[in-house]
Amino acid sequence: MRYSVFHHIIESNIPLPELQIRDNSLPTLFFESSNNSKATRTGIDWRHHWRLSNGKISISVGKEKEYYWLRFPQLVDFKIEPETNKIKSYCNTGMPDNTLRHLLLDQTIPRLLSHKGQLIIHASCVQIGDSLVGFCGESGWGKSTLAAYLYGQGHTLITDDCLLLETNNSTMVGIPSYQGLRLLSDSLTLLPASQNKTTAVCHYAPKRRVTVSKSNQKQSIPISTIFFLNDPEQQYNTSSISLEPIPRASALIELIKHCFPLDITDSKQTTTQLTNLAELIKNSSTQFYRLKYPRTIQSLPEIMKTIIKISTTNKVDTTL
């Protein structure tokens, strides 16, 4: 089975219902889910561990010869071959299929492509008019809620979590991983009643997956504005909407924070990514803002007005 993800075609030995089917296209990525959960993993040089706020390891990355291993403890190991774009999973016994798909689509594929030099950021994105608006922030900061509200008000949803940045004639364009939303129960009320059918994103978190109509959108759409969301825990009684323009140098630092690295110990790859991102920002007309706002459902209409005003004021070349 073959599907589209970003501007790639992935061939998979298991169904990936979150993606659009592309059986007549040649694959550029390859995924295999192994039934052998006891496969030997020896000689791995574990290079880095990402940790949760409580210190618990959430992701580990290791190197074995020309392969990388991406480990989600007690869940699954992904063996990644960057040269051939092959990914193979070894799941712990009893791990649900939806959890495997979530970790493949929303973590492993973005990290592989980032390692290959593509610029992928942790962002939700909608289309307003002829251009895109992106929202960057940590998990739980409101990216999906803003995207869901704008989508519920008639704007086109581009992506909920991963956005590929490229340049086209000196214009920054965005390419989605796939269309869909992952929402907590209180944000589901922002969607039309016709889209109240949901499924669990994974077995260990409360978010629900909402499948939206998969439109045949343009592959590359100019990005007018990227908003960096503030940490809601650091807002301290803010009851009004605050916008702060961000200089390009600061925007570069912010975007680096929201990338999907595979091996942060690879200084050459890290330098290349930083250089490419700096060049992309320097030559584009995309504007960047820090957005602070009250985290209440009642404030969303005014926030939407502010977002639309800013994004439509910044004109970008949409004749790509």
C-alpha atoms as a PDB file:
ATOM      1  CA  MET A   1       0.000   0.000   0.000  1.00  0.00           C
ATOM      2  CA  ARG A   2       1.254   3.457  -0.892  1.00  0.00           C
ATOM      3  CA  TYR A   3       0.309   6.810   0.620  1.00  0.00           C
ATOM      4  CA  SER A   4       1.329  10.466   0.476  1.00  0.00           C
ATOM      5  CA  VAL A   5       3.059  12.158   3.421  1.00  0.00           C
ATOM      6  CA  PHE A   6       4.578  15.633   2.987  1.00  0.00           C
ATOM      7  CA  HIS A   7       5.565  15.499  -0.722  1.00  0.00           C
ATOM      8  CA  HIS A   8       6.759  11.897  -0.432  1.00  0.00           C
ATOM      9  CA  ILE A   9       5.124   8.594  -1.257  1.00  0.00           C
ATOM     10  CA  ILE A  10       5.485   5.971   1.471  1.00  0.00           C
ATOM     11  CA  GLU A  11       5.107   2.259   0.843  1.00  0.00           C
ATOM     12  CA  SER A  12       3.834   0.387   3.911  1.00  0.00           C
ATOM     13  CA  ASN A  13       3.023  -3.214   4.769  1.00  0.00           C
ATOM     14  CA  ILE A  14       0.248  -2.057   7.129  1.00  0.00           C
ATOM     15  CA  PRO A  15      -2.679   0.317   6.486  1.00  0.00           C
ATOM     16  CA  LEU A  16      -2.069   4.017   7.263  1.00  0.00           C
ATOM     17  CA  PRO A  17      -5.653   5.378   7.212  1.00  0.00           C
ATOM     18  CA  GLU A  18      -4.548   8.882   8.254  1.00  0.00           C
ATOM     19  CA  LEU A  19      -2.895   9.331   4.843  1.00  0.00           C
ATOM     20  CA  GLN A  20      -4.204   9.653   1.298  1.00  0.00           C
ATOM     21  CA  ILE A  21      -3.792   6.558  -0.860  1.00  0.00           C
ATOM     22  CA  ARG A  22      -1.371   6.925  -3.780  1.00  0.00           C
ATOM     23  CA  ASP A  23      -1.064   3.379  -5.136  1.00  0.00           C
ATOM     24  CA  ASN A  24      -0.088   4.514  -8.639  1.00  0.00           C
ATOM     25  CA  SER A  25       2.903   6.597  -7.504  1.00  0.00           C
ATOM     26  CA  LEU A  26       6.496   5.500  -7.055  1.00  0.00           C
ATOM     27  CA  PRO A  27       7.558   5.314  -3.391  1.00  0.00           C
ATOM     28  CA  THR A  28      10.357   7.399  -1.912  1.00  0.00           C
ATOM     29  CA  LEU A  29       9.915   6.156   1.673  1.00  0.00           C
ATOM     30  CA  PHE A  30       9.515   2.580   2.851  1.00  0.00           C
ATOM     31  CA  PHE A  31       7.980   1.286   6.091  1.00  0.00           C
ATOM     32  CA  GLU A  32       7.784  -2.247   7.417  1.00  0.00           C
ATOM     33  CA  SER A  33       6.129  -3.301  10.657  1.00  0.00           C
ATOM     34  CA  SER A  34       7.971  -6.378  11.926  1.00  0.00           C
ATOM     35  CA  ASN A  35       6.219  -9.165  13.803  1.00  0.00           C
ATOM     36  CA  ASN A  36       9.471  -9.985  15.602  1.00  0.00           C
ATOM     37  CA  SER A  37       9.374  -7.991  18.837  1.00  0.00           C
ATOM     38  CA  LYS A  38      12.384  -9.948  20.156  1.00  0.00           C
ATOM     39  CA  ALA A  39      14.788  -8.911  17.385  1.00  0.00           C
ATOM     40  CA  THR A  40      18.332  -8.492  18.683  1.00  0.00           C
ATOM     41  CA  ARG A  41      19.507  -4.920  19.235  1.00  0.00           C
ATOM     42  CA  THR A  42      23.203  -5.102  20.024  1.00  0.00           C
ATOM     43  CA  GLY A  43      26.097  -2.753  19.413  1.00  0.00           C
ATOM     44  CA  ILE A  44      23.932   0.369  19.524  1.00  0.00           C
ATOM     45  CA  ASP A  45      25.623   3.607  20.559  1.00  0.00           C
ATOM     46  CA  TRP A  46      22.870   5.460  22.396  1.00  0.00           C
ATOM     47  CA  ARG A  47      23.651   9.098  21.683  1.00  0.00           C
ATOM     48  CA  HIS A  48      20.875  11.157  23.220  1.00  0.00           C
ATOM     49  CA  HIS A  49      17.755  10.920  25.376  1.00  0.00           C
ATOM     50  CA  TRP A  50      14.848  13.351  25.289  1.00  0.00           C
ATOM     51  CA  ARG A  51      13.176  13.613  28.681  1.00  0.00           C
ATOM     52  CA  LEU A  52       9.796  14.713  30.001  1.00  0.00           C
ATOM     53  CA  SER A  53       9.526  17.433  32.643  1.00  0.00           C
ATOM     54  CA  ASN A  54       9.572  14.732  35.338  1.00  0.00           C
ATOM     55  CA  GLY A  55      12.909  13.410  34.064  1.00  0.00           C
ATOM     56  CA  LYS A  56      11.478  10.274  32.473  1.00  0.00           C
ATOM     57  CA  ILE A  57      12.969   9.348  29.090  1.00  0.00           C
ATOM     58  CA  SER A  58      10.441   9.782  26.281  1.00  0.00           C
ATOM     59  CA  ILE A  59      12.659   9.161  23.228  1.00  0.00           C
ATOM     60  CA  SER A  60      16.170   7.771  22.771  1.00  0.00           C
ATOM     61  CA  VAL A  61      18.282   7.848  19.617  1.00  0.00           C
ATOM     62  CA  GLY A  62      21.158   5.469  18.929  1.00  0.00           C
ATOM     63  CA  LYS A  63      23.522   4.636  16.071  1.00  0.00           C
ATOM     64  CA  GLU A  64      24.509   1.183  14.805  1.00  0.00           C
ATOM     65  CA  LYS A  65      26.826   1.269  11.776  1.00  0.00           C
ATOM     66  CA  GLU A  66      24.860   3.137   9.078  1.00  0.00           C
ATOM     67  CA  TYR A  67      21.545   2.709  10.914  1.00  0.00           C
ATOM     68  CA  TYR A  68      19.780   4.823  13.508  1.00  0.00           C
ATOM     69  CA  TRP A  69      17.495   3.488  16.221  1.00  0.00           C
ATOM     70  CA  LEU A  70      14.667   5.619  17.589  1.00  0.00           C
ATOM     71  CA  ARG A  71      13.322   4.149  20.825  1.00  0.00           C
ATOM     72  CA  PHE A  72      10.067   4.994  22.568  1.00  0.00           C
ATOM     73  CA  PRO A  73      10.589   3.139  25.885  1.00  0.00           C
ATOM     74  CA  GLN A  74       8.212   0.242  26.597  1.00  0.00           C
ATOM     75  CA  LEU A  75       6.491   0.909  23.255  1.00  0.00           C
ATOM     76  CA  VAL A  76       8.473   0.482  20.046  1.00  0.00           C
ATOM     77  CA  ASP A  77      11.912   0.675  18.444  1.00  0.00           C
ATOM     78  CA  PHE A  78      12.250   2.075  14.924  1.00  0.00           C
ATOM     79  CA  LYS A  79      15.276   1.069  12.831  1.00  0.00           C
ATOM     80  CA  ILE A  80      16.023   3.880  10.366  1.00  0.00           C
ATOM     81  CA  GLU A  81      18.218   3.623   7.270  1.00  0.00           C
ATOM     82  CA  PRO A  82      18.767   7.204   6.035  1.00  0.00           C
ATOM     83  CA  GLU A  83      20.549   6.146   2.829  1.00  0.00           C
ATOM     84  CA  THR A  84      17.613   4.070   1.586  1.00  0.00           C
ATOM     85  CA  ASN A  85      14.763   5.896   3.390  1.00  0.00           C
ATOM     86  CA  LYS A  86      13.701   2.644   5.033  1.00  0.00           C
ATOM     87  CA  ILE A  87      12.026   2.424   8.447  1.00  0.00           C
ATOM     88  CA  LYS A  88      11.292  -0.823  10.282  1.00  0.00           C
ATOM     89  CA  SER A  89       9.405  -1.061  13.567  1.00  0.00           C
ATOM     90  CA  TYR A  90       9.773  -3.592  16.387  1.00  0.00           C
ATOM     91  CA  CYS A  91       6.831  -3.178  18.751  1.00  0.00           C
ATOM     92  CA  ASN A  92       6.478  -4.414  22.285  1.00  0.00           C
ATOM     93  CA  THR A  93       3.910  -7.174  22.552  1.00  0.00           C
ATOM     94  CA  GLY A  94       0.359  -5.857  22.695  1.00  0.00           C
ATOM     95  CA  MET A  95       1.030  -2.300  21.540  1.00  0.00           C
ATOM     96  CA  PRO A  96      -2.046  -0.972  19.689  1.00  0.00           C
ATOM     97  CA  ASP A  97      -1.851  -0.217  15.972  1.00  0.00           C
ATOM     98  CA  ASN A  98      -2.969   3.407  16.442  1.00  0.00           C
ATOM     99  CA  THR A  99      -0.028   4.071  18.778  1.00  0.00           C
ATOM    100  CA  LEU A 100       2.388   2.653  16.201  1.00  0.00           C
ATOM    101  CA  ARG A 101       0.939   4.851  13.450  1.00  0.00           C
ATOM    102  CA  HIS A 102       1.058   7.923  15.674  1.00  0.00           C
ATOM    103  CA  LEU A 103       4.736   7.448  16.527  1.00  0.00           C
ATOM    104  CA  LEU A 104       5.584   6.681  12.895  1.00  0.00           C
ATOM    105  CA  LEU A 105       3.729   9.612  11.311  1.00  0.00           C
ATOM    106  CA  ASP A 106       4.166  12.282  13.974  1.00  0.00           C
ATOM    107  CA  GLN A 107       7.689  11.509  15.196  1.00  0.00           C
ATOM    108  CA  THR A 108       9.765   9.065  13.173  1.00  0.00           C
ATOM    109  CA  ILE A 109       9.135  10.186   9.587  1.00  0.00           C
ATOM    110  CA  PRO A 110       9.671  13.905  10.424  1.00  0.00           C
ATOM    111  CA  ARG A 111      12.987  13.048  12.141  1.00  0.00           C
ATOM    112  CA  LEU A 112      14.202  10.954   9.211  1.00  0.00           C
ATOM    113  CA  LEU A 113      13.381  13.684   6.694  1.00  0.00           C
ATOM    114  CA  SER A 114      14.938  16.360   8.906  1.00  0.00           C
ATOM    115  CA  HIS A 115      18.112  14.290   9.054  1.00  0.00           C
ATOM    116  CA  LYS A 116      18.053  14.205   5.249  1.00  0.00           C
ATOM    117  CA  GLY A 117      18.148  18.017   5.177  1.00  0.00           C
ATOM    118  CA  GLN A 118      14.468  18.909   4.964  1.00  0.00           C
ATOM    119  CA  LEU A 119      13.166  21.645   7.269  1.00  0.00           C
ATOM    120  CA  ILE A 120      10.222  20.332   9.279  1.00  0.00           C
ATOM    121  CA  ILE A 121       8.748  22.210  12.229  1.00  0.00           C
ATOM    122  CA  HIS A 122       6.327  21.283  15.001  1.00  0.00           C
ATOM    123  CA  ALA A 123       3.417  23.497  13.942  1.00  0.00           C
ATOM    124  CA  SER A 124      -0.253  23.523  13.079  1.00  0.00           C
ATOM    125  CA  CYS A 125      -1.283  25.397   9.960  1.00  0.00           C
ATOM    126  CA  VAL A 126      -4.398  26.704   8.199  1.00  0.00           C
ATOM    127  CA  GLN A 127      -4.986  28.493   4.928  1.00  0.00           C
ATOM    128  CA  ILE A 128      -6.459  31.987   5.119  1.00  0.00           C
ATOM    129  CA  GLY A 129      -7.129  33.451   1.708  1.00  0.00           C
ATOM    130  CA  ASP A 130      -4.306  32.564  -0.657  1.00  0.00           C
ATOM    131  CA  SER A 131      -1.618  31.956   1.949  1.00  0.00           C
ATOM    132  CA  LEU A 132      -0.833  29.919   5.033  1.00  0.00           C
ATOM    133  CA  VAL A 133      -0.680  30.826   8.712  1.00  0.00           C
ATOM    134  CA  GLY A 134       1.356  28.656  11.065  1.00  0.00           C
ATOM    135  CA  PHE A 135       1.272  28.254  14.850  1.00  0.00           C
ATOM    136  CA  CYS A 136       4.386  27.018  16.673  1.00  0.00           C
ATOM    137  CA  GLY A 137       4.495  25.916  20.284  1.00  0.00           C
ATOM    138  CA  GLU A 138       5.086  23.020  22.620  1.00  0.00           C
ATOM    139  CA  SER A 139       2.503  20.272  23.053  1.00  0.00           C
ATOM    140  CA  GLY A 140      -0.421  21.591  25.082  1.00  0.00           C
ATOM    141  CA  TRP A 141       0.139  25.257  24.212  1.00  0.00           C
ATOM    142  CA  GLY A 142      -2.900  25.560  21.932  1.00  0.00           C
ATOM    143  CA  LYS A 143      -1.698  24.962  18.355  1.00  0.00           C
ATOM    144  CA  SER A 144      -4.380  22.403  17.589  1.00  0.00           C
ATOM    145  CA  THR A 145      -7.120  24.412  19.303  1.00  0.00           C
ATOM    146  CA  LEU A 146      -6.410  27.490  17.158  1.00  0.00           C
ATOM    147  CA  ALA A 147      -6.265  25.383  13.991  1.00  0.00           C
ATOM    148  CA  ALA A 148      -9.499  23.597  14.939  1.00  0.00           C
ATOM    149  CA  TYR A 149     -11.339  26.854  15.601  1.00  0.00           C
ATOM    150  CA  LEU A 150     -10.228  28.434  12.314  1.00  0.00           C
ATOM    151  CA  TYR A 151     -11.129  25.231  10.492  1.00  0.00           C
ATOM    152  CA  GLY A 152     -14.543  25.201  12.160  1.00  0.00           C
ATOM    153  CA  GLN A 153     -15.058  28.777  10.935  1.00  0.00           C
ATOM    154  CA  GLY A 154     -14.521  27.774   7.314  1.00  0.00           C
ATOM    155  CA  HIS A 155     -10.770  28.034   6.767  1.00  0.00           C
ATOM    156  CA  THR A 156      -8.862  25.146   5.212  1.00  0.00           C
ATOM    157  CA  LEU A 157      -6.929  22.939   7.601  1.00  0.00           C
ATOM    158  CA  ILE A 158      -3.435  22.212   6.278  1.00  0.00           C
ATOM    159  CA  THR A 159      -1.840  20.240   9.092  1.00  0.00           C
ATOM    160  CA  ASP A 160      -2.114  19.766  12.826  1.00  0.00           C
ATOM    161  CA  ASP A 161       1.422  18.958  13.890  1.00  0.00           C
ATOM    162  CA  CYS A 162       4.168  18.843  11.236  1.00  0.00           C
ATOM    163  CA  LEU A 163       4.904  21.373   8.498  1.00  0.00           C
ATOM    164  CA  LEU A 164       7.678  21.146   5.911  1.00  0.00           C
ATOM    165  CA  LEU A 165       9.230  24.505   4.976  1.00  0.00           C
ATOM    166  CA  GLU A 166      10.707  25.104   1.541  1.00  0.00           C
ATOM    167  CA  THR A 167      11.472  28.050  -0.698  1.00  0.00           C
ATOM    168  CA  ASN A 168       9.915  28.767  -4.086  1.00  0.00           C
ATOM    169  CA  ASN A 169      11.115  31.872  -5.926  1.00  0.00           C
ATOM    170  CA  SER A 170      12.282  33.455  -2.641  1.00  0.00           C
ATOM    171  CA  THR A 171       8.911  32.723  -1.036  1.00  0.00           C
ATOM    172  CA  MET A 172       8.592  30.469   2.019  1.00  0.00           C
ATOM    173  CA  VAL A 173       6.042  27.758   1.311  1.00  0.00           C
ATOM    174  CA  GLY A 174       4.511  25.115   3.543  1.00  0.00           C
ATOM    175  CA  ILE A 175       3.875  21.442   2.778  1.00  0.00           C
ATOM    176  CA  PRO A 176       1.762  19.417   5.234  1.00  0.00           C
ATOM    177  CA  SER A 177       2.516  15.985   6.595  1.00  0.00           C
ATOM    178  CA  TYR A 178      -1.163  15.038   6.345  1.00  0.00           C
ATOM    179  CA  GLN A 179      -4.542  16.609   7.063  1.00  0.00           C
ATOM    180  CA  GLY A 180      -6.163  15.802  10.376  1.00  0.00           C
ATOM    181  CA  LEU A 181      -6.585  17.061  13.935  1.00  0.00           C
ATOM    182  CA  ARG A 182      -5.604  15.712  17.349  1.00  0.00           C
ATOM    183  CA  LEU A 183      -7.721  17.335  20.031  1.00  0.00           C
ATOM    184  CA  LEU A 184      -8.639  17.108  23.686  1.00  0.00           C
ATOM    185  CA  SER A 185     -12.338  16.679  24.427  1.00  0.00           C
ATOM    186  CA  ASP A 186     -12.991  20.358  25.227  1.00  0.00           C
ATOM    187  CA  SER A 187     -11.660  21.440  21.807  1.00  0.00           C
ATOM    188  CA  LEU A 188     -13.872  18.977  19.921  1.00  0.00           C
ATOM    189  CA  THR A 189     -16.798  21.344  20.497  1.00  0.00           C
ATOM    190  CA  LEU A 190     -15.123  23.828  18.121  1.00  0.00           C
ATOM    191  CA  LEU A 191     -15.787  21.567  15.135  1.00  0.00           C
ATOM    192  CA  PRO A 192     -18.982  21.177  13.079  1.00  0.00           C
ATOM    193  CA  ALA A 193     -21.373  18.544  14.397  1.00  0.00           C
ATOM    194  CA  SER A 194     -20.843  16.570  11.178  1.00  0.00           C
ATOM    195  CA  GLN A 195     -17.267  15.849  12.287  1.00  0.00           C
ATOM    196  CA  ASN A 196     -17.842  14.491  15.755  1.00  0.00           C
ATOM    197  CA  LYS A 197     -16.607  10.989  14.888  1.00  0.00           C
ATOM    198  CA  THR A 198     -13.208  10.503  16.498  1.00  0.00           C
ATOM    199  CA  THR A 199     -10.711   7.785  17.319  1.00  0.00           C
ATOM    200  CA  ALA A 200      -7.978   7.595  19.937  1.00  0.00           C
ATOM    201  CA  VAL A 201      -4.615   8.983  18.800  1.00  0.00           C
ATOM    202  CA  CYS A 202      -2.788   6.440  20.964  1.00  0.00           C
ATOM    203  CA  HIS A 203      -3.411   4.337  24.054  1.00  0.00           C
ATOM    204  CA  TYR A 204      -1.396   6.445  26.521  1.00  0.00           C
ATOM    205  CA  ALA A 205      -2.786   9.975  25.947  1.00  0.00           C
ATOM    206  CA  PRO A 206      -6.303  11.469  25.985  1.00  0.00           C
ATOM    207  CA  LYS A 207      -6.254  13.246  22.612  1.00  0.00           C
ATOM    208  CA  ARG A 208      -8.723  12.172  19.954  1.00  0.00           C
ATOM    209  CA  ARG A 209      -8.010  12.037  16.227  1.00  0.00           C
ATOM    210  CA  VAL A 210     -10.403  13.835  13.893  1.00  0.00           C
ATOM    211  CA  THR A 211     -10.203  12.913  10.227  1.00  0.00           C
ATOM    212  CA  VAL A 212     -11.049  15.856   7.990  1.00  0.00           C
ATOM    213  CA  SER A 213     -11.999  15.790   4.328  1.00  0.00           C
ATOM    214  CA  LYS A 214      -8.765  15.273   2.418  1.00  0.00           C
ATOM    215  CA  SER A 215      -8.773  18.073  -0.131  1.00  0.00           C
ATOM    216  CA  ASN A 216      -6.645  18.077  -3.251  1.00  0.00           C
ATOM    217  CA  GLN A 217      -4.801  21.184  -2.166  1.00  0.00           C
ATOM    218  CA  LYS A 218      -1.762  22.658  -3.840  1.00  0.00           C
ATOM    219  CA  GLN A 219       1.433  20.988  -2.731  1.00  0.00           C
ATOM    220  CA  SER A 220       3.195  24.288  -2.019  1.00  0.00           C
ATOM    221  CA  ILE A 221       1.386  27.320  -0.605  1.00  0.00           C
ATOM    222  CA  PRO A 222       3.094  30.577   0.487  1.00  0.00           C
ATOM    223  CA  ILE A 223       3.305  31.220   4.227  1.00  0.00           C
ATOM    224  CA  SER A 224       2.365  34.783   5.149  1.00  0.00           C
ATOM    225  CA  THR A 225       2.784  34.580   8.928  1.00  0.00           C
ATOM    226  CA  ILE A 226       4.090  32.278  11.642  1.00  0.00           C
ATOM    227  CA  PHE A 227       2.909  32.876  15.202  1.00  0.00           C
ATOM    228  CA  PHE A 228       4.929  31.573  18.153  1.00  0.00           C
ATOM    229  CA  LEU A 229       2.608  30.796  21.043  1.00  0.00           C
ATOM    230  CA  ASN A 230       3.521  31.625  24.624  1.00  0.00           C
ATOM    231  CA  ASP A 231       3.657  29.108  27.437  1.00  0.00           C
ATOM    232  CA  PRO A 232       0.179  29.354  29.022  1.00  0.00           C
ATOM    233  CA  GLU A 233       1.698  28.601  32.430  1.00  0.00           C
ATOM    234  CA  GLN A 234       3.791  31.791  32.175  1.00  0.00           C
ATOM    235  CA  GLN A 235       0.964  34.142  31.209  1.00  0.00           C
ATOM    236  CA  TYR A 236       0.124  35.441  34.676  1.00  0.00           C
ATOM    237  CA  ASN A 237      -3.434  36.762  34.451  1.00  0.00           C
ATOM    238  CA  THR A 238      -3.196  38.074  30.904  1.00  0.00           C
ATOM    239  CA  SER A 239      -6.746  38.824  29.826  1.00  0.00           C
ATOM    240  CA  SER A 240      -6.022  40.537  26.513  1.00  0.00           C
ATOM    241  CA  ILE A 241      -4.408  39.561  23.216  1.00  0.00           C
ATOM    242  CA  SER A 242      -0.798  40.627  22.770  1.00  0.00           C
ATOM    243  CA  LEU A 243       1.218  40.569  19.527  1.00  0.00           C
ATOM    244  CA  GLU A 244       4.941  41.216  19.346  1.00  0.00           C
ATOM    245  CA  PRO A 245       6.831  41.251  16.009  1.00  0.00           C
ATOM    246  CA  ILE A 246       9.897  39.003  16.114  1.00  0.00           C
ATOM    247  CA  PRO A 247      13.131  39.915  14.273  1.00  0.00           C
ATOM    248  CA  ARG A 248      14.381  37.324  11.817  1.00  0.00           C
ATOM    249  CA  ALA A 249      17.379  36.366  13.968  1.00  0.00           C
ATOM    250  CA  SER A 250      15.063  35.623  16.892  1.00  0.00           C
ATOM    251  CA  ALA A 251      12.656  33.764  14.597  1.00  0.00           C
ATOM    252  CA  LEU A 252      15.526  31.522  13.531  1.00  0.00           C
ATOM    253  CA  ILE A 253      16.194  30.556  17.138  1.00  0.00           C
ATOM    254  CA  GLU A 254      12.503  29.898  17.745  1.00  0.00           C
ATOM    255  CA  LEU A 255      12.143  27.721  14.653  1.00  0.00           C
ATOM    256  CA  ILE A 256      15.203  25.668  15.608  1.00  0.00           C
ATOM    257  CA  LYS A 257      13.487  24.933  18.942  1.00  0.00           C
ATOM    258  CA  HIS A 258      10.533  23.479  17.053  1.00  0.00           C
ATOM    259  CA  CYS A 259      12.412  21.268  14.572  1.00  0.00           C
ATOM    260  CA  PHE A 260      12.481  17.462  14.586  1.00  0.00           C
ATOM    261  CA  PRO A 261      16.146  16.444  15.005  1.00  0.00           C
ATOM    262  CA  LEU A 262      17.223  12.832  14.742  1.00  0.00           C
ATOM    263  CA  ASP A 263      20.845  12.990  15.902  1.00  0.00           C
ATOM    264  CA  ILE A 264      21.678  16.219  17.734  1.00  0.00           C
ATOM    265  CA  THR A 265      25.246  14.966  18.232  1.00  0.00           C
ATOM    266  CA  ASP A 266      25.856  15.162  14.468  1.00  0.00           C
ATOM    267  CA  SER A 267      27.394  18.640  14.309  1.00  0.00           C
ATOM    268  CA  LYS A 268      27.702  18.645  10.516  1.00  0.00           C
ATOM    269  CA  GLN A 269      24.028  17.872  10.002  1.00  0.00           C
ATOM    270  CA  THR A 270      23.006  20.401  12.663  1.00  0.00           C
ATOM    271  CA  THR A 271      25.120  23.133  11.044  1.00  0.00           C
ATOM    272  CA  THR A 272      23.646  22.373   7.614  1.00  0.00           C
ATOM    273  CA  GLN A 273      20.105  22.580   8.968  1.00  0.00           C
ATOM    274  CA  LEU A 274      20.822  25.874  10.718  1.00  0.00           C
ATOM    275  CA  THR A 275      22.377  27.350   7.568  1.00  0.00           C
ATOM    276  CA  ASN A 276      19.487  26.243   5.361  1.00  0.00           C
ATOM    277  CA  LEU A 277      16.900  27.608   7.770  1.00  0.00           C
ATOM    278  CA  ALA A 278      18.723  30.944   8.103  1.00  0.00           C
ATOM    279  CA  GLU A 279      18.842  31.276   4.309  1.00  0.00           C
ATOM    280  CA  LEU A 280      15.157  30.423   4.033  1.00  0.00           C
ATOM    281  CA  ILE A 281      14.151  33.061   6.594  1.00  0.00           C
ATOM    282  CA  LYS A 282      16.475  35.717   5.208  1.00  0.00           C
ATOM    283  CA  ASN A 283      15.082  35.539   1.668  1.00  0.00           C
ATOM    284  CA  SER A 284      11.367  35.231   2.442  1.00  0.00           C
ATOM    285  CA  SER A 285       8.658  37.805   3.113  1.00  0.00           C
ATOM    286  CA  THR A 286       7.083  35.688   5.864  1.00  0.00           C
ATOM    287  CA  GLN A 287       6.490  37.644   9.064  1.00  0.00           C
ATOM    288  CA  PHE A 288       6.910  36.296  12.603  1.00  0.00           C
ATOM    289  CA  TYR A 289       5.034  37.247  15.790  1.00  0.00           C
ATOM    290  CA  ARG A 290       4.852  36.249  19.419  1.00  0.00           C
ATOM    291  CA  LEU A 291       1.185  35.674  20.235  1.00  0.00           C
ATOM    292  CA  LYS A 292      -0.070  35.837  23.823  1.00  0.00           C
ATOM    293  CA  TYR A 293      -3.748  35.336  24.498  1.00  0.00           C
ATOM    294  CA  PRO A 294      -6.225  34.079  27.113  1.00  0.00           C
ATOM    295  CA  ARG A 295      -6.748  30.316  26.929  1.00  0.00           C
ATOM    296  CA  THR A 296     -10.540  30.432  26.934  1.00  0.00           C
ATOM    297  CA  ILE A 297     -13.107  29.345  24.363  1.00  0.00           C
ATOM    298  CA  GLN A 298     -14.809  32.732  24.672  1.00  0.00           C
ATOM    299  CA  SER A 299     -11.683  34.579  23.505  1.00  0.00           C
ATOM    300  CA  LEU A 300     -11.300  32.603  20.265  1.00  0.00           C
ATOM    301  CA  PRO A 301     -13.473  34.853  18.002  1.00  0.00           C
ATOM    302  CA  GLU A 302     -11.366  37.911  18.862  1.00  0.00           C
ATOM    303  CA  ILE A 303      -8.138  35.941  18.473  1.00  0.00           C
ATOM    304  CA  MET A 304      -9.289  34.809  15.022  1.00  0.00           C
ATOM    305  CA  LYS A 305      -9.958  38.409  13.987  1.00  0.00           C
ATOM    306  CA  THR A 306      -6.473  39.402  15.094  1.00  0.00           C
ATOM    307  CA  ILE A 307      -4.849  36.490  13.247  1.00  0.00           C
ATOM    308  CA  ILE A 308      -6.758  37.221  10.033  1.00  0.00           C
ATOM    309  CA  LYS A 309      -5.977  40.946  10.182  1.00  0.00           C
ATOM    310  CA  ILE A 310      -2.246  40.389  10.631  1.00  0.00           C
ATOM    311  CA  SER A 311      -1.930  37.565   8.101  1.00  0.00           C
ATOM    312  CA  THR A 312      -3.901  39.282   5.337  1.00  0.00           C
ATOM    313  CA  THR A 313      -2.069  42.581   5.851  1.00  0.00           C
ATOM    314  CA  ASN A 314       1.234  40.844   5.125  1.00  0.00           C
ATOM    315  CA  LYS A 315       1.132  40.269   1.395  1.00  0.00           C
ATOM    316  CA  VAL A 316       3.196  37.476  -0.101  1.00  0.00           C
ATOM    317  CA  ASP A 317       3.588  36.376  -3.706  1.00  0.00           C
ATOM    318  CA  THR A 318       0.937  33.727  -4.274  1.00  0.00           C
ATOM    319  CA  THR A 319       1.560  33.281  -8.009  1.00  0.00           C
ATOM    320  CA  LEU A 320       3.774  30.197  -7.671  1.00  0.00           C
END
